[in-house]
Amino acid sequence: MKHSPIDDLYNELFGEYPQKAGTALERLATIAYNEICAQRTMVDQHIKGTYSGTDYQLDGLAVRNGQQEMIEAKDYTISGEKVGRDDIQKLNGALVDLASVHRGVFASATDYTKPAVEYAMASEKMPHSKPIDLYQVRNSTELDEEGRIKVIHIVMNVYWLDFDRGTYKPIFTKNGRNCILRDLPKNTELAYTLSEFTDKEGNVKKTIAELSSTTNKEVKMDADQKVVEGIWDLQGLYVRFPNGKYCEIARVEYSIPISVCKESFDITREGKACLLVKSQDGSINTLLTDKQLKQYHFKDDGTVEKS
């Protein structure tokens, strides 16, 4: 059996040539439809006609937006022919007989004749007919990559409040200062780490961690700003010192420097582009990579599954 370019691509991706001609495109088209817009796809499915009882072999069956869609694929790359009107009419005939299928999806590895395109466009308007979408699904070329974004370069300036380098000045009320100085010998240094603030009974009401977190969320930083200054209002709260005293505090005045970190990175496409998927109406025009396609495999019931 002579192999088509689509067959060769399938072999490169999955390490085998399908035994039946056309199977490679059927499978790649079904994978592509799953990757781009369907919720679930299956290959090589059989459905009986609602009215005729005919056993229809579907190249692919997709579920999109809760409705079933029939996938038909034709690989005419060896002969170089385009998909003609007869192929589209055959698909339409099956759709009319399949009450559970709401739409047709045709995938061509070449292109479509003008009558085929006109018939597909008219399908949505025909009485008792169903819409048919036309796609090209073929090996991609370097020309297909022209004009597409390949690398996105992102530069970020990250600003944050550097609390570790900040200065904090506690301001006590008059009663609070008297409380601290009472029984304290002159010229005595008092070292104490402020971490929490309580009520008169010693119940913790606020902590430095909570105040820092709130400040970090609320402060608006400008690009040219070097420091953030402000106060934490602590009216009615107390600080408990190691000697057991609860001394009333009014506020904490803070000055916190702003640190800046510049980060840059690139977002690139993973894998090598190898399959073009393009809808006739122009709504879809994308390249799928070997890495994307290799993530898929086929279960025994034909379900396309992504690893």
C-alpha atoms as a PDB file:
ATOM      1  CA  MET A   1       0.000   0.000   0.000  1.00  0.00           C
ATOM      2  CA  LYS A   2       1.365   3.394  -1.001  1.00  0.00           C
ATOM      3  CA  HIS A   3       1.608   5.715   1.957  1.00  0.00           C
ATOM      4  CA  SER A   4       0.358   9.307   1.869  1.00  0.00           C
ATOM      5  CA  PRO A   5       2.039  12.248   3.638  1.00  0.00           C
ATOM      6  CA  ILE A   6      -0.663  11.944   6.313  1.00  0.00           C
ATOM      7  CA  ASP A   7       0.223   8.252   6.768  1.00  0.00           C
ATOM      8  CA  ASP A   8       3.902   9.168   7.152  1.00  0.00           C
ATOM      9  CA  LEU A   9       3.061  11.800   9.756  1.00  0.00           C
ATOM     10  CA  TYR A  10       0.960   9.308  11.716  1.00  0.00           C
ATOM     11  CA  ASN A  11       3.866   6.855  11.652  1.00  0.00           C
ATOM     12  CA  GLU A  12       6.259   9.544  12.932  1.00  0.00           C
ATOM     13  CA  LEU A  13       3.914  10.319  15.799  1.00  0.00           C
ATOM     14  CA  PHE A  14       2.731   6.860  16.827  1.00  0.00           C
ATOM     15  CA  GLY A  15       5.313   4.479  15.346  1.00  0.00           C
ATOM     16  CA  GLU A  16       3.005   2.576  13.000  1.00  0.00           C
ATOM     17  CA  TYR A  17       1.180   2.734   9.701  1.00  0.00           C
ATOM     18  CA  PRO A  18      -2.550   1.964   9.886  1.00  0.00           C
ATOM     19  CA  GLN A  19      -3.471  -1.098   7.807  1.00  0.00           C
ATOM     20  CA  LYS A  20      -6.427   0.592   6.121  1.00  0.00           C
ATOM     21  CA  ALA A  21      -6.016   3.541   3.759  1.00  0.00           C
ATOM     22  CA  GLY A  22      -7.472   6.748   5.138  1.00  0.00           C
ATOM     23  CA  THR A  23      -7.353   5.624   8.773  1.00  0.00           C
ATOM     24  CA  ALA A  24      -4.434   7.937   9.604  1.00  0.00           C
ATOM     25  CA  LEU A  25      -6.412  11.043   8.636  1.00  0.00           C
ATOM     26  CA  GLU A  26      -9.524   9.758  10.381  1.00  0.00           C
ATOM     27  CA  ARG A  27      -7.580   9.407  13.600  1.00  0.00           C
ATOM     28  CA  LEU A  28      -5.609  12.645  13.310  1.00  0.00           C
ATOM     29  CA  ALA A  29      -8.727  14.631  12.410  1.00  0.00           C
ATOM     30  CA  THR A  30     -10.592  13.180  15.394  1.00  0.00           C
ATOM     31  CA  ILE A  31      -7.691  13.984  17.712  1.00  0.00           C
ATOM     32  CA  ALA A  32      -7.486  17.514  16.291  1.00  0.00           C
ATOM     33  CA  TYR A  33     -11.208  18.096  16.809  1.00  0.00           C
ATOM     34  CA  ASN A  34     -10.880  16.862  20.385  1.00  0.00           C
ATOM     35  CA  GLU A  35      -7.929  19.175  21.004  1.00  0.00           C
ATOM     36  CA  ILE A  36      -9.565  22.263  19.523  1.00  0.00           C
ATOM     37  CA  CYS A  37     -13.252  22.272  20.386  1.00  0.00           C
ATOM     38  CA  ALA A  38     -14.925  18.977  21.317  1.00  0.00           C
ATOM     39  CA  GLN A  39     -15.530  17.625  24.801  1.00  0.00           C
ATOM     40  CA  ARG A  40     -15.252  13.990  23.715  1.00  0.00           C
ATOM     41  CA  THR A  41     -14.392  12.168  20.486  1.00  0.00           C
ATOM     42  CA  MET A  42     -14.339   8.552  19.298  1.00  0.00           C
ATOM     43  CA  VAL A  43     -13.032   6.919  16.124  1.00  0.00           C
ATOM     44  CA  ASP A  44     -14.574   4.174  13.968  1.00  0.00           C
ATOM     45  CA  GLN A  45     -18.088   4.152  15.395  1.00  0.00           C
ATOM     46  CA  HIS A  46     -21.209   2.399  14.084  1.00  0.00           C
ATOM     47  CA  ILE A  47     -24.716   3.870  14.348  1.00  0.00           C
ATOM     48  CA  LYS A  48     -27.917   2.524  12.810  1.00  0.00           C
ATOM     49  CA  GLY A  49     -30.018   4.868  10.708  1.00  0.00           C
ATOM     50  CA  THR A  50     -33.099   6.075  12.545  1.00  0.00           C
ATOM     51  CA  TYR A  51     -35.348   5.630   9.518  1.00  0.00           C
ATOM     52  CA  SER A  52     -33.607   3.195   7.183  1.00  0.00           C
ATOM     53  CA  GLY A  53     -31.941   0.904   9.704  1.00  0.00           C
ATOM     54  CA  THR A  54     -28.710   1.198   7.698  1.00  0.00           C
ATOM     55  CA  ASP A  55     -25.482   0.518   9.603  1.00  0.00           C
ATOM     56  CA  TYR A  56     -23.387   3.657   9.195  1.00  0.00           C
ATOM     57  CA  GLN A  57     -19.658   3.494   9.845  1.00  0.00           C
ATOM     58  CA  LEU A  58     -18.528   6.881  11.180  1.00  0.00           C
ATOM     59  CA  ASP A  59     -14.883   7.893  10.843  1.00  0.00           C
ATOM     60  CA  GLY A  60     -15.332   9.865  14.028  1.00  0.00           C
ATOM     61  CA  LEU A  61     -18.046  10.819  16.495  1.00  0.00           C
ATOM     62  CA  ALA A  62     -17.727  13.931  18.626  1.00  0.00           C
ATOM     63  CA  VAL A  63     -19.677  15.457  21.479  1.00  0.00           C
ATOM     64  CA  ARG A  64     -19.598  19.256  21.505  1.00  0.00           C
ATOM     65  CA  ASN A  65     -21.852  21.504  23.544  1.00  0.00           C
ATOM     66  CA  GLY A  66     -23.810  18.431  24.571  1.00  0.00           C
ATOM     67  CA  GLN A  67     -24.641  17.382  20.982  1.00  0.00           C
ATOM     68  CA  GLN A  68     -23.254  14.621  18.782  1.00  0.00           C
ATOM     69  CA  GLU A  69     -21.384  15.479  15.588  1.00  0.00           C
ATOM     70  CA  MET A  70     -20.319  13.096  12.834  1.00  0.00           C
ATOM     71  CA  ILE A  71     -16.751  13.329  11.510  1.00  0.00           C
ATOM     72  CA  GLU A  72     -15.986  12.272   7.940  1.00  0.00           C
ATOM     73  CA  ALA A  73     -12.380  12.331   6.662  1.00  0.00           C
ATOM     74  CA  LYS A  74     -10.934  11.944   3.161  1.00  0.00           C
ATOM     75  CA  ASP A  75      -7.234  11.738   2.348  1.00  0.00           C
ATOM     76  CA  TYR A  76      -6.802  12.422  -1.371  1.00  0.00           C
ATOM     77  CA  THR A  77      -3.170  13.548  -1.095  1.00  0.00           C
ATOM     78  CA  ILE A  78      -1.821  10.692  -3.239  1.00  0.00           C
ATOM     79  CA  SER A  79      -4.108  11.484  -6.189  1.00  0.00           C
ATOM     80  CA  GLY A  80      -4.026  15.228  -5.500  1.00  0.00           C
ATOM     81  CA  GLU A  81      -7.801  15.473  -5.915  1.00  0.00           C
ATOM     82  CA  LYS A  82     -10.026  17.798  -3.952  1.00  0.00           C
ATOM     83  CA  VAL A  83     -13.058  16.681  -2.010  1.00  0.00           C
ATOM     84  CA  GLY A  84     -16.048  17.087  -4.308  1.00  0.00           C
ATOM     85  CA  ARG A  85     -19.735  17.738  -3.935  1.00  0.00           C
ATOM     86  CA  ASP A  86     -20.555  13.999  -4.064  1.00  0.00           C
ATOM     87  CA  ASP A  87     -18.578  13.427  -0.855  1.00  0.00           C
ATOM     88  CA  ILE A  88     -20.454  16.205   0.947  1.00  0.00           C
ATOM     89  CA  GLN A  89     -23.834  14.972  -0.317  1.00  0.00           C
ATOM     90  CA  LYS A  90     -23.059  11.472   0.940  1.00  0.00           C
ATOM     91  CA  LEU A  91     -22.322  12.865   4.385  1.00  0.00           C
ATOM     92  CA  ASN A  92     -25.532  14.906   4.309  1.00  0.00           C
ATOM     93  CA  GLY A  93     -27.556  11.801   3.426  1.00  0.00           C
ATOM     94  CA  ALA A  94     -26.200  10.005   6.482  1.00  0.00           C
ATOM     95  CA  LEU A  95     -26.914  13.003   8.704  1.00  0.00           C
ATOM     96  CA  VAL A  96     -30.579  13.082   7.623  1.00  0.00           C
ATOM     97  CA  ASP A  97     -30.927   9.421   8.605  1.00  0.00           C
ATOM     98  CA  LEU A  98     -29.175   9.812  11.980  1.00  0.00           C
ATOM     99  CA  ALA A  99     -31.586  11.582  14.322  1.00  0.00           C
ATOM    100  CA  SER A 100     -29.109  11.591  17.234  1.00  0.00           C
ATOM    101  CA  VAL A 101     -26.397  13.391  15.236  1.00  0.00           C
ATOM    102  CA  HIS A 102     -26.889  17.152  14.949  1.00  0.00           C
ATOM    103  CA  ARG A 103     -23.983  18.272  12.778  1.00  0.00           C
ATOM    104  CA  GLY A 104     -21.446  17.076  10.226  1.00  0.00           C
ATOM    105  CA  VAL A 105     -17.712  17.757  10.268  1.00  0.00           C
ATOM    106  CA  PHE A 106     -15.737  17.033   7.091  1.00  0.00           C
ATOM    107  CA  ALA A 107     -11.925  16.847   7.193  1.00  0.00           C
ATOM    108  CA  SER A 108      -9.953  16.952   3.942  1.00  0.00           C
ATOM    109  CA  ALA A 109      -6.195  16.462   3.633  1.00  0.00           C
ATOM    110  CA  THR A 110      -6.280  18.405   0.356  1.00  0.00           C
ATOM    111  CA  ASP A 111      -9.023  20.983  -0.270  1.00  0.00           C
ATOM    112  CA  TYR A 112     -12.599  21.296  -1.571  1.00  0.00           C
ATOM    113  CA  THR A 113     -14.053  22.005  -4.978  1.00  0.00           C
ATOM    114  CA  LYS A 114     -16.223  25.085  -5.357  1.00  0.00           C
ATOM    115  CA  PRO A 115     -19.451  23.019  -5.704  1.00  0.00           C
ATOM    116  CA  ALA A 116     -18.541  21.128  -2.513  1.00  0.00           C
ATOM    117  CA  VAL A 117     -18.090  24.369  -0.581  1.00  0.00           C
ATOM    118  CA  GLU A 118     -21.346  25.800  -1.948  1.00  0.00           C
ATOM    119  CA  TYR A 119     -23.275  22.664  -1.036  1.00  0.00           C
ATOM    120  CA  ALA A 120     -21.879  22.641   2.517  1.00  0.00           C
ATOM    121  CA  MET A 121     -22.729  26.321   2.952  1.00  0.00           C
ATOM    122  CA  ALA A 122     -26.283  25.662   1.782  1.00  0.00           C
ATOM    123  CA  SER A 123     -26.735  22.599   3.999  1.00  0.00           C
ATOM    124  CA  GLU A 124     -27.813  24.674   6.984  1.00  0.00           C
ATOM    125  CA  LYS A 125     -30.625  26.247   4.963  1.00  0.00           C
ATOM    126  CA  MET A 126     -31.921  23.103   3.249  1.00  0.00           C
ATOM    127  CA  PRO A 127     -35.187  21.645   4.575  1.00  0.00           C
ATOM    128  CA  HIS A 128     -34.623  18.499   6.675  1.00  0.00           C
ATOM    129  CA  SER A 129     -30.847  19.000   6.346  1.00  0.00           C
ATOM    130  CA  LYS A 130     -28.163  19.575   8.972  1.00  0.00           C
ATOM    131  CA  PRO A 131     -25.167  21.944   8.980  1.00  0.00           C
ATOM    132  CA  ILE A 132     -21.828  20.690   7.684  1.00  0.00           C
ATOM    133  CA  ASP A 133     -18.508  22.301   8.641  1.00  0.00           C
ATOM    134  CA  LEU A 134     -15.534  21.942   6.316  1.00  0.00           C
ATOM    135  CA  TYR A 135     -11.953  21.644   7.565  1.00  0.00           C
ATOM    136  CA  GLN A 136      -8.544  21.181   6.042  1.00  0.00           C
ATOM    137  CA  VAL A 137      -6.428  18.821   8.151  1.00  0.00           C
ATOM    138  CA  ARG A 138      -3.010  18.272   6.613  1.00  0.00           C
ATOM    139  CA  ASN A 139       0.736  18.222   7.197  1.00  0.00           C
ATOM    140  CA  SER A 140       1.876  21.738   8.018  1.00  0.00           C
ATOM    141  CA  THR A 141       4.665  23.537   6.174  1.00  0.00           C
ATOM    142  CA  GLU A 142       7.054  26.365   7.007  1.00  0.00           C
ATOM    143  CA  LEU A 143       4.781  28.735   5.081  1.00  0.00           C
ATOM    144  CA  ASP A 144       1.950  27.886   7.478  1.00  0.00           C
ATOM    145  CA  GLU A 145       4.072  29.210  10.353  1.00  0.00           C
ATOM    146  CA  GLU A 146       4.661  32.623   8.790  1.00  0.00           C
ATOM    147  CA  GLY A 147       2.938  35.467  10.615  1.00  0.00           C
ATOM    148  CA  ARG A 148       2.232  33.388  13.717  1.00  0.00           C
ATOM    149  CA  ILE A 149       3.514  34.207  17.181  1.00  0.00           C
ATOM    150  CA  LYS A 150       6.197  31.698  18.122  1.00  0.00           C
ATOM    151  CA  VAL A 151       7.643  33.279  21.257  1.00  0.00           C
ATOM    152  CA  ILE A 152       6.029  35.563  23.841  1.00  0.00           C
ATOM    153  CA  HIS A 153       8.630  37.523  25.815  1.00  0.00           C
ATOM    154  CA  ILE A 154       7.361  38.679  29.210  1.00  0.00           C
ATOM    155  CA  VAL A 155       9.116  41.220  31.438  1.00  0.00           C
ATOM    156  CA  MET A 156       7.765  41.772  34.941  1.00  0.00           C
ATOM    157  CA  ASN A 157       8.725  44.283  37.603  1.00  0.00           C
ATOM    158  CA  VAL A 158       7.659  42.844  40.929  1.00  0.00           C
ATOM    159  CA  TYR A 159       7.248  45.341  43.784  1.00  0.00           C
ATOM    160  CA  TRP A 160       6.850  44.342  47.407  1.00  0.00           C
ATOM    161  CA  LEU A 161       7.049  45.862  50.856  1.00  0.00           C
ATOM    162  CA  ASP A 162      10.289  44.799  52.520  1.00  0.00           C
ATOM    163  CA  PHE A 163       9.015  44.538  56.091  1.00  0.00           C
ATOM    164  CA  ASP A 164      12.327  43.119  57.343  1.00  0.00           C
ATOM    165  CA  ARG A 165      14.082  46.404  56.518  1.00  0.00           C
ATOM    166  CA  GLY A 166      11.283  48.610  57.813  1.00  0.00           C
ATOM    167  CA  THR A 167      11.408  50.883  60.867  1.00  0.00           C
ATOM    168  CA  TYR A 168       8.562  50.906  63.377  1.00  0.00           C
ATOM    169  CA  LYS A 169       8.014  53.491  66.088  1.00  0.00           C
ATOM    170  CA  PRO A 170       5.490  52.649  68.835  1.00  0.00           C
ATOM    171  CA  ILE A 171       3.648  55.692  70.237  1.00  0.00           C
ATOM    172  CA  PHE A 172       2.129  55.134  73.674  1.00  0.00           C
ATOM    173  CA  THR A 173      -0.588  57.199  75.304  1.00  0.00           C
ATOM    174  CA  LYS A 174       0.287  59.363  78.328  1.00  0.00           C
ATOM    175  CA  ASN A 175      -1.011  56.635  80.614  1.00  0.00           C
ATOM    176  CA  GLY A 176       0.947  54.078  78.653  1.00  0.00           C
ATOM    177  CA  ARG A 177       4.211  56.030  78.986  1.00  0.00           C
ATOM    178  CA  ASN A 178       3.652  56.464  82.761  1.00  0.00           C
ATOM    179  CA  CYS A 179       2.976  52.748  82.980  1.00  0.00           C
ATOM    180  CA  ILE A 180       6.295  51.958  81.298  1.00  0.00           C
ATOM    181  CA  LEU A 181       8.353  54.480  83.302  1.00  0.00           C
ATOM    182  CA  ARG A 182       6.835  53.650  86.678  1.00  0.00           C
ATOM    183  CA  ASP A 183       9.284  51.670  88.820  1.00  0.00           C
ATOM    184  CA  LEU A 184      11.838  51.829  85.983  1.00  0.00           C
ATOM    185  CA  PRO A 185      15.260  53.139  87.097  1.00  0.00           C
ATOM    186  CA  LYS A 186      16.619  56.152  85.229  1.00  0.00           C
ATOM    187  CA  ASN A 187      18.864  55.620  82.189  1.00  0.00           C
ATOM    188  CA  THR A 188      17.603  52.063  81.850  1.00  0.00           C
ATOM    189  CA  GLU A 189      17.278  50.529  78.399  1.00  0.00           C
ATOM    190  CA  LEU A 190      14.189  48.446  77.890  1.00  0.00           C
ATOM    191  CA  ALA A 191      14.415  45.882  75.083  1.00  0.00           C
ATOM    192  CA  TYR A 192      11.151  44.344  73.983  1.00  0.00           C
ATOM    193  CA  THR A 193       9.818  42.767  70.795  1.00  0.00           C
ATOM    194  CA  LEU A 194       6.354  43.940  69.777  1.00  0.00           C
ATOM    195  CA  SER A 195       4.383  41.075  68.275  1.00  0.00           C
ATOM    196  CA  GLU A 196       0.813  41.437  69.558  1.00  0.00           C
ATOM    197  CA  PHE A 197      -1.643  43.881  71.103  1.00  0.00           C
ATOM    198  CA  THR A 198      -4.277  43.011  73.694  1.00  0.00           C
ATOM    199  CA  ASP A 199      -7.223  44.409  75.628  1.00  0.00           C
ATOM    200  CA  LYS A 200      -7.014  45.120  79.381  1.00  0.00           C
ATOM    201  CA  GLU A 201      -7.652  41.476  80.174  1.00  0.00           C
ATOM    202  CA  GLY A 202      -4.789  40.274  78.009  1.00  0.00           C
ATOM    203  CA  ASN A 203      -6.890  38.951  75.113  1.00  0.00           C
ATOM    204  CA  VAL A 204      -4.990  39.294  71.832  1.00  0.00           C
ATOM    205  CA  LYS A 205      -6.845  41.628  69.437  1.00  0.00           C
ATOM    206  CA  LYS A 206      -4.243  42.374  66.779  1.00  0.00           C
ATOM    207  CA  THR A 207      -0.825  41.077  65.804  1.00  0.00           C
ATOM    208  CA  ILE A 208       2.075  42.551  63.851  1.00  0.00           C
ATOM    209  CA  ALA A 209       1.655  39.765  61.314  1.00  0.00           C
ATOM    210  CA  GLU A 210      -2.003  40.683  60.729  1.00  0.00           C
ATOM    211  CA  LEU A 211      -1.214  44.391  60.415  1.00  0.00           C
ATOM    212  CA  SER A 212       1.619  43.664  57.965  1.00  0.00           C
ATOM    213  CA  SER A 213      -0.596  41.432  55.847  1.00  0.00           C
ATOM    214  CA  THR A 214      -3.366  44.033  55.690  1.00  0.00           C
ATOM    215  CA  THR A 215      -0.892  46.775  54.773  1.00  0.00           C
ATOM    216  CA  ASN A 216       0.615  44.627  52.042  1.00  0.00           C
ATOM    217  CA  LYS A 217      -2.816  44.180  50.438  1.00  0.00           C
ATOM    218  CA  GLU A 218      -4.040  47.753  50.745  1.00  0.00           C
ATOM    219  CA  VAL A 219      -0.985  49.851  49.871  1.00  0.00           C
ATOM    220  CA  LYS A 220      -0.829  51.120  46.286  1.00  0.00           C
ATOM    221  CA  MET A 221       2.759  51.314  45.049  1.00  0.00           C
ATOM    222  CA  ASP A 222       3.978  53.601  42.267  1.00  0.00           C
ATOM    223  CA  ALA A 223       6.930  52.730  40.035  1.00  0.00           C
ATOM    224  CA  ASP A 224       9.004  55.654  41.345  1.00  0.00           C
ATOM    225  CA  GLN A 225       8.077  55.207  44.993  1.00  0.00           C
ATOM    226  CA  LYS A 226      10.900  54.144  47.325  1.00  0.00           C
ATOM    227  CA  VAL A 227       9.174  53.851  50.688  1.00  0.00           C
ATOM    228  CA  VAL A 228       5.716  53.550  52.200  1.00  0.00           C
ATOM    229  CA  GLU A 229       4.958  55.460  55.375  1.00  0.00           C
ATOM    230  CA  GLY A 230       1.880  55.361  57.570  1.00  0.00           C
ATOM    231  CA  ILE A 231       0.429  54.408  60.936  1.00  0.00           C
ATOM    232  CA  TRP A 232      -1.330  51.470  62.488  1.00  0.00           C
ATOM    233  CA  ASP A 233      -4.077  52.858  64.691  1.00  0.00           C
ATOM    234  CA  LEU A 234      -4.128  50.905  67.958  1.00  0.00           C
ATOM    235  CA  GLN A 235      -6.379  53.101  70.120  1.00  0.00           C
ATOM    236  CA  GLY A 236      -7.771  51.174  73.083  1.00  0.00           C
ATOM    237  CA  LEU A 237      -5.190  48.405  72.916  1.00  0.00           C
ATOM    238  CA  TYR A 238      -2.335  47.479  75.226  1.00  0.00           C
ATOM    239  CA  VAL A 239       1.138  45.982  75.176  1.00  0.00           C
ATOM    240  CA  ARG A 240       2.046  43.393  77.790  1.00  0.00           C
ATOM    241  CA  PHE A 241       5.611  43.748  79.023  1.00  0.00           C
ATOM    242  CA  PRO A 242       7.710  40.941  80.559  1.00  0.00           C
ATOM    243  CA  ASN A 243       7.082  42.331  84.048  1.00  0.00           C
ATOM    244  CA  GLY A 244       3.361  41.673  83.593  1.00  0.00           C
ATOM    245  CA  LYS A 245       2.321  45.313  83.049  1.00  0.00           C
ATOM    246  CA  TYR A 246      -0.279  46.196  80.390  1.00  0.00           C
ATOM    247  CA  CYS A 247       0.591  49.605  78.969  1.00  0.00           C
ATOM    248  CA  GLU A 248      -1.779  51.503  76.686  1.00  0.00           C
ATOM    249  CA  ILE A 249      -0.548  52.166  73.126  1.00  0.00           C
ATOM    250  CA  ALA A 250      -1.910  54.714  70.658  1.00  0.00           C
ATOM    251  CA  ARG A 251      -0.342  53.739  67.334  1.00  0.00           C
ATOM    252  CA  VAL A 252       2.717  52.451  65.519  1.00  0.00           C
ATOM    253  CA  GLU A 253       4.331  54.701  62.923  1.00  0.00           C
ATOM    254  CA  TYR A 254       6.022  52.734  60.162  1.00  0.00           C
ATOM    255  CA  SER A 255       8.392  53.405  57.287  1.00  0.00           C
ATOM    256  CA  ILE A 256       8.802  50.414  54.977  1.00  0.00           C
ATOM    257  CA  PRO A 257      11.082  50.404  51.918  1.00  0.00           C
ATOM    258  CA  ILE A 258       9.804  49.074  48.596  1.00  0.00           C
ATOM    259  CA  SER A 259      11.925  46.415  46.936  1.00  0.00           C
ATOM    260  CA  VAL A 260      11.844  45.725  43.221  1.00  0.00           C
ATOM    261  CA  CYS A 261      12.698  42.540  41.381  1.00  0.00           C
ATOM    262  CA  LYS A 262      12.836  42.414  37.575  1.00  0.00           C
ATOM    263  CA  GLU A 263      12.005  39.060  36.020  1.00  0.00           C
ATOM    264  CA  SER A 264      11.804  38.095  32.367  1.00  0.00           C
ATOM    265  CA  PHE A 265      10.939  34.821  30.670  1.00  0.00           C
ATOM    266  CA  ASP A 266       9.782  33.426  27.355  1.00  0.00           C
ATOM    267  CA  ILE A 267       6.692  31.400  26.596  1.00  0.00           C
ATOM    268  CA  THR A 268       7.358  29.176  23.609  1.00  0.00           C
ATOM    269  CA  ARG A 269       5.349  26.556  21.826  1.00  0.00           C
ATOM    270  CA  GLU A 270       6.212  23.085  23.042  1.00  0.00           C
ATOM    271  CA  GLY A 271       7.066  20.683  20.282  1.00  0.00           C
ATOM    272  CA  LYS A 272       7.324  20.991  16.485  1.00  0.00           C
ATOM    273  CA  ALA A 273       4.339  22.166  14.446  1.00  0.00           C
ATOM    274  CA  CYS A 274       3.234  19.328  12.188  1.00  0.00           C
ATOM    275  CA  LEU A 275      -0.527  19.488  11.558  1.00  0.00           C
ATOM    276  CA  LEU A 276      -2.566  22.376  10.155  1.00  0.00           C
ATOM    277  CA  VAL A 277      -6.234  22.538  11.133  1.00  0.00           C
ATOM    278  CA  LYS A 278      -8.155  25.189   9.224  1.00  0.00           C
ATOM    279  CA  SER A 279     -11.907  25.679   8.931  1.00  0.00           C
ATOM    280  CA  GLN A 280     -13.430  26.797   5.651  1.00  0.00           C
ATOM    281  CA  ASP A 281     -15.155  29.772   7.329  1.00  0.00           C
ATOM    282  CA  GLY A 282     -11.852  31.000   8.805  1.00  0.00           C
ATOM    283  CA  SER A 283     -12.921  30.722  12.452  1.00  0.00           C
ATOM    284  CA  ILE A 284     -10.194  28.139  13.142  1.00  0.00           C
ATOM    285  CA  ASN A 285      -6.661  28.299  11.785  1.00  0.00           C
ATOM    286  CA  THR A 286      -4.212  26.623  14.084  1.00  0.00           C
ATOM    287  CA  LEU A 287      -1.099  24.484  14.098  1.00  0.00           C
ATOM    288  CA  LEU A 288      -0.858  21.436  16.327  1.00  0.00           C
ATOM    289  CA  THR A 289       2.526  20.182  17.464  1.00  0.00           C
ATOM    290  CA  ASP A 290       3.904  16.679  17.655  1.00  0.00           C
ATOM    291  CA  LYS A 291       3.928  16.980  21.452  1.00  0.00           C
ATOM    292  CA  GLN A 292       0.224  17.836  21.533  1.00  0.00           C
ATOM    293  CA  LEU A 293      -0.747  14.967  19.264  1.00  0.00           C
ATOM    294  CA  LYS A 294       1.457  12.392  20.996  1.00  0.00           C
ATOM    295  CA  GLN A 295      -0.468  12.952  24.224  1.00  0.00           C
ATOM    296  CA  TYR A 296      -3.426  11.073  22.744  1.00  0.00           C
ATOM    297  CA  HIS A 297      -4.157   7.386  22.487  1.00  0.00           C
ATOM    298  CA  PHE A 298      -7.151   5.259  21.496  1.00  0.00           C
ATOM    299  CA  LYS A 299      -9.017   3.010  23.889  1.00  0.00           C
ATOM    300  CA  ASP A 300     -10.469  -0.314  22.785  1.00  0.00           C
ATOM    301  CA  ASP A 301     -13.910   1.235  22.276  1.00  0.00           C
ATOM    302  CA  GLY A 302     -12.442   3.943  20.021  1.00  0.00           C
ATOM    303  CA  THR A 303     -12.502   6.726  22.603  1.00  0.00           C
ATOM    304  CA  VAL A 304      -9.804   9.333  22.073  1.00  0.00           C
ATOM    305  CA  GLU A 305      -8.071   9.848  25.413  1.00  0.00           C
ATOM    306  CA  LYS A 306      -5.484  12.422  26.419  1.00  0.00           C
ATOM    307  CA  SER A 307      -2.702  11.290  28.725  1.00  0.00           C
END
